[in-house]
Amino acid sequence: MSEEQAKRLKLLIYWSGGTVVVVFAAITTYIGMIVGGMTGVGEILKAGFPIWSVTALAAVVICAGYYFYIKRKV
């Protein structure tokens, strides 16, 4: 893997991780606003888990796919 490809992979990992963090914060906030403070934090986390897991899984698949694409291309 060349230096340029490694740099691009690190940038992709950085942005994918940032996207997961932003989705986590936004979904948690929206669920908290809709459900309200009546329920506990555990209920809010349980409600948002499917969305976070799909986002995190997509980020991992995209990063792994790009990594293997680079390796195969060389």
PDB file of N, CA and C in Angstrom:
ATOM      1  N   MET A   1       0.855  -1.168   0.000  1.00  0.00           N
ATOM      2  CA  MET A   1       0.000   0.000   0.000  1.00  0.00           C
ATOM      3  C   MET A   1       0.904   1.234   0.000  1.00  0.00           C
ATOM      4  N   SER A   2       0.619   2.125  -0.924  1.00  0.00           N
ATOM      5  CA  SER A   2       1.441   3.326  -1.009  1.00  0.00           C
ATOM      6  C   SER A   2       1.081   4.299   0.124  1.00  0.00           C
ATOM      7  N   GLU A   3       1.898   5.292   0.259  1.00  0.00           N
ATOM      8  CA  GLU A   3       1.676   6.281   1.315  1.00  0.00           C
ATOM      9  C   GLU A   3       0.376   7.058   1.072  1.00  0.00           C
ATOM     10  N   GLU A   4       0.106   7.360  -0.178  1.00  0.00           N
ATOM     11  CA  GLU A   4      -1.115   8.090  -0.533  1.00  0.00           C
ATOM     12  C   GLU A   4      -2.366   7.250  -0.231  1.00  0.00           C
ATOM     13  N   GLN A   5      -2.305   5.972  -0.524  1.00  0.00           N
ATOM     14  CA  GLN A   5      -3.444   5.093  -0.247  1.00  0.00           C
ATOM     15  C   GLN A   5      -3.670   4.935   1.250  1.00  0.00           C
ATOM     16  N   ALA A   6      -2.581   4.829   2.007  1.00  0.00           N
ATOM     17  CA  ALA A   6      -2.705   4.736   3.464  1.00  0.00           C
ATOM     18  C   ALA A   6      -3.308   6.013   4.036  1.00  0.00           C
ATOM     19  N   LYS A   7      -2.924   7.134   3.478  1.00  0.00           N
ATOM     20  CA  LYS A   7      -3.457   8.417   3.917  1.00  0.00           C
ATOM     21  C   LYS A   7      -4.962   8.494   3.640  1.00  0.00           C
ATOM     22  N   ARG A   8      -5.380   8.040   2.469  1.00  0.00           N
ATOM     23  CA  ARG A   8      -6.802   8.044   2.126  1.00  0.00           C
ATOM     24  C   ARG A   8      -7.599   7.099   3.019  1.00  0.00           C
ATOM     25  N   LEU A   9      -7.015   5.946   3.325  1.00  0.00           N
ATOM     26  CA  LEU A   9      -7.701   4.989   4.201  1.00  0.00           C
ATOM     27  C   LEU A   9      -7.883   5.585   5.594  1.00  0.00           C
ATOM     28  N   LYS A  10      -6.858   6.236   6.122  1.00  0.00           N
ATOM     29  CA  LYS A  10      -6.969   6.868   7.441  1.00  0.00           C
ATOM     30  C   LYS A  10      -8.026   7.965   7.437  1.00  0.00           C
ATOM     31  N   LEU A  11      -8.089   8.720   6.361  1.00  0.00           N
ATOM     32  CA  LEU A  11      -9.091   9.773   6.245  1.00  0.00           C
ATOM     33  C   LEU A  11     -10.503   9.184   6.185  1.00  0.00           C
ATOM     34  N   LEU A  12     -10.666   8.081   5.459  1.00  0.00           N
ATOM     35  CA  LEU A  12     -11.962   7.408   5.388  1.00  0.00           C
ATOM     36  C   LEU A  12     -12.374   6.885   6.766  1.00  0.00           C
ATOM     37  N   ILE A  13     -11.447   6.306   7.496  1.00  0.00           N
ATOM     38  CA  ILE A  13     -11.734   5.806   8.838  1.00  0.00           C
ATOM     39  C   ILE A  13     -12.115   6.962   9.764  1.00  0.00           C
ATOM     40  N   TYR A  14     -11.403   8.068   9.647  1.00  0.00           N
ATOM     41  CA  TYR A  14     -11.701   9.248  10.472  1.00  0.00           C
ATOM     42  C   TYR A  14     -13.123   9.752  10.209  1.00  0.00           C
ATOM     43  N   TRP A  15     -13.487   9.927   8.942  1.00  0.00           N
ATOM     44  CA  TRP A  15     -14.809  10.452   8.615  1.00  0.00           C
ATOM     45  C   TRP A  15     -15.913   9.454   8.928  1.00  0.00           C
ATOM     46  N   SER A  16     -15.651   8.184   8.752  1.00  0.00           N
ATOM     47  CA  SER A  16     -16.653   7.173   9.096  1.00  0.00           C
ATOM     48  C   SER A  16     -16.906   7.155  10.602  1.00  0.00           C
ATOM     49  N   GLY A  17     -15.836   7.234  11.379  1.00  0.00           N
ATOM     50  CA  GLY A  17     -15.982   7.296  12.832  1.00  0.00           C
ATOM     51  C   GLY A  17     -16.715   8.545  13.276  1.00  0.00           C
ATOM     52  N   GLY A  18     -16.401   9.663  12.638  1.00  0.00           N
ATOM     53  CA  GLY A  18     -17.097  10.913  12.946  1.00  0.00           C
ATOM     54  C   GLY A  18     -18.582  10.840  12.623  1.00  0.00           C
ATOM     55  N   THR A  19     -18.902  10.188  11.525  1.00  0.00           N
ATOM     56  CA  THR A  19     -20.309  10.018  11.153  1.00  0.00           C
ATOM     57  C   THR A  19     -21.048   9.186  12.191  1.00  0.00           C
ATOM     58  N   VAL A  20     -20.408   8.133  12.664  1.00  0.00           N
ATOM     59  CA  VAL A  20     -21.040   7.290  13.691  1.00  0.00           C
ATOM     60  C   VAL A  20     -21.278   8.098  14.966  1.00  0.00           C
ATOM     61  N   VAL A  21     -20.329   8.912  15.356  1.00  0.00           N
ATOM     62  CA  VAL A  21     -20.478   9.732  16.563  1.00  0.00           C
ATOM     63  C   VAL A  21     -21.607  10.751  16.399  1.00  0.00           C
ATOM     64  N   VAL A  22     -21.684  11.399  15.239  1.00  0.00           N
ATOM     65  CA  VAL A  22     -22.735  12.383  14.993  1.00  0.00           C
ATOM     66  C   VAL A  22     -24.104  11.714  14.994  1.00  0.00           C
ATOM     67  N   VAL A  23     -24.219  10.555  14.354  1.00  0.00           N
ATOM     68  CA  VAL A  23     -25.503   9.830  14.341  1.00  0.00           C
ATOM     69  C   VAL A  23     -25.885   9.416  15.756  1.00  0.00           C
ATOM     70  N   PHE A  24     -24.924   8.940  16.536  1.00  0.00           N
ATOM     71  CA  PHE A  24     -25.199   8.555  17.921  1.00  0.00           C
ATOM     72  C   PHE A  24     -25.753   9.738  18.711  1.00  0.00           C
ATOM     73  N   ALA A  25     -25.091  10.888  18.602  1.00  0.00           N
ATOM     74  CA  ALA A  25     -25.521  12.067  19.354  1.00  0.00           C
ATOM     75  C   ALA A  25     -26.888  12.557  18.888  1.00  0.00           C
ATOM     76  N   ALA A  26     -27.092  12.609  17.582  1.00  0.00           N
ATOM     77  CA  ALA A  26     -28.357  13.122  17.056  1.00  0.00           C
ATOM     78  C   ALA A  26     -29.525  12.210  17.402  1.00  0.00           C
ATOM     79  N   ILE A  27     -29.366  10.925  17.201  1.00  0.00           N
ATOM     80  CA  ILE A  27     -30.455   9.988  17.474  1.00  0.00           C
ATOM     81  C   ILE A  27     -30.769   9.952  18.960  1.00  0.00           C
ATOM     82  N   THR A  28     -29.745   9.970  19.789  1.00  0.00           N
ATOM     83  CA  THR A  28     -29.976   9.976  21.228  1.00  0.00           C
ATOM     84  C   THR A  28     -30.745  11.229  21.650  1.00  0.00           C
ATOM     85  N   THR A  29     -30.377  12.372  21.080  1.00  0.00           N
ATOM     86  CA  THR A  29     -31.064  13.621  21.407  1.00  0.00           C
ATOM     87  C   THR A  29     -32.517  13.588  20.941  1.00  0.00           C
ATOM     88  N   TYR A  30     -32.747  13.149  19.720  1.00  0.00           N
ATOM     89  CA  TYR A  30     -34.112  13.106  19.190  1.00  0.00           C
ATOM     90  C   TYR A  30     -34.995  12.150  19.987  1.00  0.00           C
ATOM     91  N   ILE A  31     -34.482  10.992  20.298  1.00  0.00           N
ATOM     92  CA  ILE A  31     -35.267  10.037  21.087  1.00  0.00           C
ATOM     93  C   ILE A  31     -35.536  10.612  22.468  1.00  0.00           C
ATOM     94  N   GLY A  32     -34.535  11.255  23.066  1.00  0.00           N
ATOM     95  CA  GLY A  32     -34.727  11.872  24.372  1.00  0.00           C
ATOM     96  C   GLY A  32     -35.775  12.965  24.346  1.00  0.00           C
ATOM     97  N   MET A  33     -35.825  13.727  23.247  1.00  0.00           N
ATOM     98  CA  MET A  33     -36.820  14.787  23.139  1.00  0.00           C
ATOM     99  C   MET A  33     -38.221  14.212  22.942  1.00  0.00           C
ATOM    100  N   ILE A  34     -38.327  13.151  22.161  1.00  0.00           N
ATOM    101  CA  ILE A  34     -39.640  12.560  21.885  1.00  0.00           C
ATOM    102  C   ILE A  34     -40.162  11.811  23.105  1.00  0.00           C
ATOM    103  N   VAL A  35     -39.317  10.966  23.671  1.00  0.00           N
ATOM    104  CA  VAL A  35     -39.727  10.157  24.817  1.00  0.00           C
ATOM    105  C   VAL A  35     -39.804  11.014  26.069  1.00  0.00           C
ATOM    106  N   GLY A  36     -38.907  11.942  26.196  1.00  0.00           N
ATOM    107  CA  GLY A  36     -38.903  12.822  27.357  1.00  0.00           C
ATOM    108  C   GLY A  36     -38.103  12.245  28.507  1.00  0.00           C
ATOM    109  N   GLY A  37     -38.040  12.986  29.557  1.00  0.00           N
ATOM    110  CA  GLY A  37     -37.269  12.576  30.718  1.00  0.00           C
ATOM    111  C   GLY A  37     -37.988  11.594  31.618  1.00  0.00           C
ATOM    112  N   MET A  38     -39.195  11.198  31.222  1.00  0.00           N
ATOM    113  CA  MET A  38     -39.985  10.289  32.049  1.00  0.00           C
ATOM    114  C   MET A  38     -39.321   8.920  32.157  1.00  0.00           C
ATOM    115  N   THR A  39     -38.748   8.456  31.053  1.00  0.00           N
ATOM    116  CA  THR A  39     -38.085   7.155  31.084  1.00  0.00           C
ATOM    117  C   THR A  39     -36.616   7.360  31.400  1.00  0.00           C
ATOM    118  N   GLY A  40     -35.965   6.287  31.707  1.00  0.00           N
ATOM    119  CA  GLY A  40     -34.556   6.380  32.047  1.00  0.00           C
ATOM    120  C   GLY A  40     -33.673   6.446  30.815  1.00  0.00           C
ATOM    121  N   VAL A  41     -32.413   6.696  31.060  1.00  0.00           N
ATOM    122  CA  VAL A  41     -31.428   6.760  29.989  1.00  0.00           C
ATOM    123  C   VAL A  41     -31.299   5.393  29.314  1.00  0.00           C
ATOM    124  N   GLY A  42     -31.480   4.336  30.071  1.00  0.00           N
ATOM    125  CA  GLY A  42     -31.398   2.989  29.511  1.00  0.00           C
ATOM    126  C   GLY A  42     -32.432   2.741  28.429  1.00  0.00           C
ATOM    127  N   GLU A  43     -33.631   3.262  28.623  1.00  0.00           N
ATOM    128  CA  GLU A  43     -34.681   3.103  27.618  1.00  0.00           C
ATOM    129  C   GLU A  43     -34.338   3.884  26.349  1.00  0.00           C
ATOM    130  N   ILE A  44     -33.766   5.051  26.513  1.00  0.00           N
ATOM    131  CA  ILE A  44     -33.365   5.853  25.353  1.00  0.00           C
ATOM    132  C   ILE A  44     -32.256   5.136  24.592  1.00  0.00           C
ATOM    133  N   LEU A  45     -31.302   4.568  25.310  1.00  0.00           N
ATOM    134  CA  LEU A  45     -30.208   3.847  24.654  1.00  0.00           C
ATOM    135  C   LEU A  45     -30.713   2.593  23.945  1.00  0.00           C
ATOM    136  N   LYS A  46     -31.653   1.886  24.569  1.00  0.00           N
ATOM    137  CA  LYS A  46     -32.220   0.693  23.920  1.00  0.00           C
ATOM    138  C   LYS A  46     -32.986   1.053  22.662  1.00  0.00           C
ATOM    139  N   ALA A  47     -33.666   2.175  22.666  1.00  0.00           N
ATOM    140  CA  ALA A  47     -34.453   2.579  21.504  1.00  0.00           C
ATOM    141  C   ALA A  47     -33.551   2.979  20.332  1.00  0.00           C
ATOM    142  N   GLY A  48     -32.407   3.553  20.602  1.00  0.00           N
ATOM    143  CA  GLY A  48     -31.520   4.002  19.541  1.00  0.00           C
ATOM    144  C   GLY A  48     -30.539   2.958  19.049  1.00  0.00           C
ATOM    145  N   PHE A  49     -30.426   1.855  19.737  1.00  0.00           N
ATOM    146  CA  PHE A  49     -29.426   0.850  19.393  1.00  0.00           C
ATOM    147  C   PHE A  49     -29.523   0.335  17.959  1.00  0.00           C
ATOM    148  N   PRO A  50     -30.711   0.033  17.426  1.00  0.00           N
ATOM    149  CA  PRO A  50     -30.758  -0.469  16.046  1.00  0.00           C
ATOM    150  C   PRO A  50     -30.189   0.520  15.025  1.00  0.00           C
ATOM    151  N   ILE A  51     -30.454   1.777  15.193  1.00  0.00           N
ATOM    152  CA  ILE A  51     -29.962   2.775  14.245  1.00  0.00           C
ATOM    153  C   ILE A  51     -28.446   2.923  14.365  1.00  0.00           C
ATOM    154  N   TRP A  52     -27.951   2.959  15.590  1.00  0.00           N
ATOM    155  CA  TRP A  52     -26.502   3.085  15.783  1.00  0.00           C
ATOM    156  C   TRP A  52     -25.772   1.873  15.251  1.00  0.00           C
ATOM    157  N   SER A  53     -26.328   0.693  15.497  1.00  0.00           N
ATOM    158  CA  SER A  53     -25.639  -0.517  15.059  1.00  0.00           C
ATOM    159  C   SER A  53     -25.575  -0.596  13.538  1.00  0.00           C
ATOM    160  N   VAL A  54     -26.637  -0.199  12.856  1.00  0.00           N
ATOM    161  CA  VAL A  54     -26.618  -0.206  11.394  1.00  0.00           C
ATOM    162  C   VAL A  54     -25.602   0.806  10.876  1.00  0.00           C
ATOM    163  N   THR A  55     -25.536   1.970  11.488  1.00  0.00           N
ATOM    164  CA  THR A  55     -24.577   2.994  11.073  1.00  0.00           C
ATOM    165  C   THR A  55     -23.141   2.531  11.315  1.00  0.00           C
ATOM    166  N   ALA A  56     -22.884   1.960  12.477  1.00  0.00           N
ATOM    167  CA  ALA A  56     -21.537   1.477  12.789  1.00  0.00           C
ATOM    168  C   ALA A  56     -21.151   0.314  11.874  1.00  0.00           C
ATOM    169  N   LEU A  57     -22.079  -0.580  11.619  1.00  0.00           N
ATOM    170  CA  LEU A  57     -21.804  -1.711  10.734  1.00  0.00           C
ATOM    171  C   LEU A  57     -21.508  -1.222   9.319  1.00  0.00           C
ATOM    172  N   ALA A  58     -22.268  -0.248   8.840  1.00  0.00           N
ATOM    173  CA  ALA A  58     -22.020   0.306   7.511  1.00  0.00           C
ATOM    174  C   ALA A  58     -20.641   0.949   7.438  1.00  0.00           C
ATOM    175  N   ALA A  59     -20.244   1.662   8.476  1.00  0.00           N
ATOM    176  CA  ALA A  59     -18.923   2.292   8.494  1.00  0.00           C
ATOM    177  C   ALA A  59     -17.813   1.241   8.453  1.00  0.00           C
ATOM    178  N   VAL A  60     -17.973   0.175   9.211  1.00  0.00           N
ATOM    179  CA  VAL A  60     -16.965  -0.882   9.236  1.00  0.00           C
ATOM    180  C   VAL A  60     -16.888  -1.583   7.877  1.00  0.00           C
ATOM    181  N   VAL A  61     -18.035  -1.870   7.288  1.00  0.00           N
ATOM    182  CA  VAL A  61     -18.058  -2.551   5.995  1.00  0.00           C
ATOM    183  C   VAL A  61     -17.422  -1.679   4.912  1.00  0.00           C
ATOM    184  N   ILE A  62     -17.728  -0.393   4.915  1.00  0.00           N
ATOM    185  CA  ILE A  62     -17.154   0.516   3.917  1.00  0.00           C
ATOM    186  C   ILE A  62     -15.637   0.613   4.086  1.00  0.00           C
ATOM    187  N   CYS A  63     -15.170   0.757   5.319  1.00  0.00           N
ATOM    188  CA  CYS A  63     -13.728   0.869   5.556  1.00  0.00           C
ATOM    189  C   CYS A  63     -13.004  -0.437   5.215  1.00  0.00           C
ATOM    190  N   ALA A  64     -13.566  -1.559   5.610  1.00  0.00           N
ATOM    191  CA  ALA A  64     -12.952  -2.850   5.297  1.00  0.00           C
ATOM    192  C   ALA A  64     -12.972  -3.107   3.786  1.00  0.00           C
ATOM    193  N   GLY A  65     -14.073  -2.773   3.155  1.00  0.00           N
ATOM    194  CA  GLY A  65     -14.151  -2.949   1.711  1.00  0.00           C
ATOM    195  C   GLY A  65     -13.123  -2.115   0.977  1.00  0.00           C
ATOM    196  N   TYR A  66     -12.940  -0.881   1.396  1.00  0.00           N
ATOM    197  CA  TYR A  66     -11.944  -0.015   0.773  1.00  0.00           C
ATOM    198  C   TYR A  66     -10.538  -0.539   1.029  1.00  0.00           C
ATOM    199  N   TYR A  67     -10.292  -1.048   2.229  1.00  0.00           N
ATOM    200  CA  TYR A  67      -8.978  -1.614   2.552  1.00  0.00           C
ATOM    201  C   TYR A  67      -8.655  -2.793   1.638  1.00  0.00           C
ATOM    202  N   PHE A  68      -9.610  -3.703   1.492  1.00  0.00           N
ATOM    203  CA  PHE A  68      -9.368  -4.868   0.644  1.00  0.00           C
ATOM    204  C   PHE A  68      -9.305  -4.491  -0.835  1.00  0.00           C
ATOM    205  N   TYR A  69     -10.030  -3.458  -1.218  1.00  0.00           N
ATOM    206  CA  TYR A  69      -9.947  -2.965  -2.592  1.00  0.00           C
ATOM    207  C   TYR A  69      -8.552  -2.425  -2.879  1.00  0.00           C
ATOM    208  N   ILE A  70      -7.994  -1.679  -1.945  1.00  0.00           N
ATOM    209  CA  ILE A  70      -6.645  -1.144  -2.117  1.00  0.00           C
ATOM    210  C   ILE A  70      -5.635  -2.277  -2.176  1.00  0.00           C
ATOM    211  N   LYS A  71      -5.763  -3.259  -1.281  1.00  0.00           N
ATOM    212  CA  LYS A  71      -4.823  -4.373  -1.255  1.00  0.00           C
ATOM    213  C   LYS A  71      -4.868  -5.163  -2.552  1.00  0.00           C
ATOM    214  N   ARG A  72      -6.050  -5.364  -3.100  1.00  0.00           N
ATOM    215  CA  ARG A  72      -6.212  -6.133  -4.320  1.00  0.00           C
ATOM    216  C   ARG A  72      -5.684  -5.367  -5.534  1.00  0.00           C
ATOM    217  N   LYS A  73      -5.820  -4.054  -5.477  1.00  0.00           N
ATOM    218  CA  LYS A  73      -5.418  -3.219  -6.591  1.00  0.00           C
ATOM    219  C   LYS A  73      -3.899  -3.169  -6.760  1.00  0.00           C
ATOM    220  N   VAL A  74      -3.173  -3.341  -5.671  1.00  0.00           N
ATOM    221  CA  VAL A  74      -1.708  -3.242  -5.717  1.00  0.00           C
ATOM    222  C   VAL A  74      -1.081  -4.416  -6.352  1.00  0.00           C
TER     223      VAL A  74
END
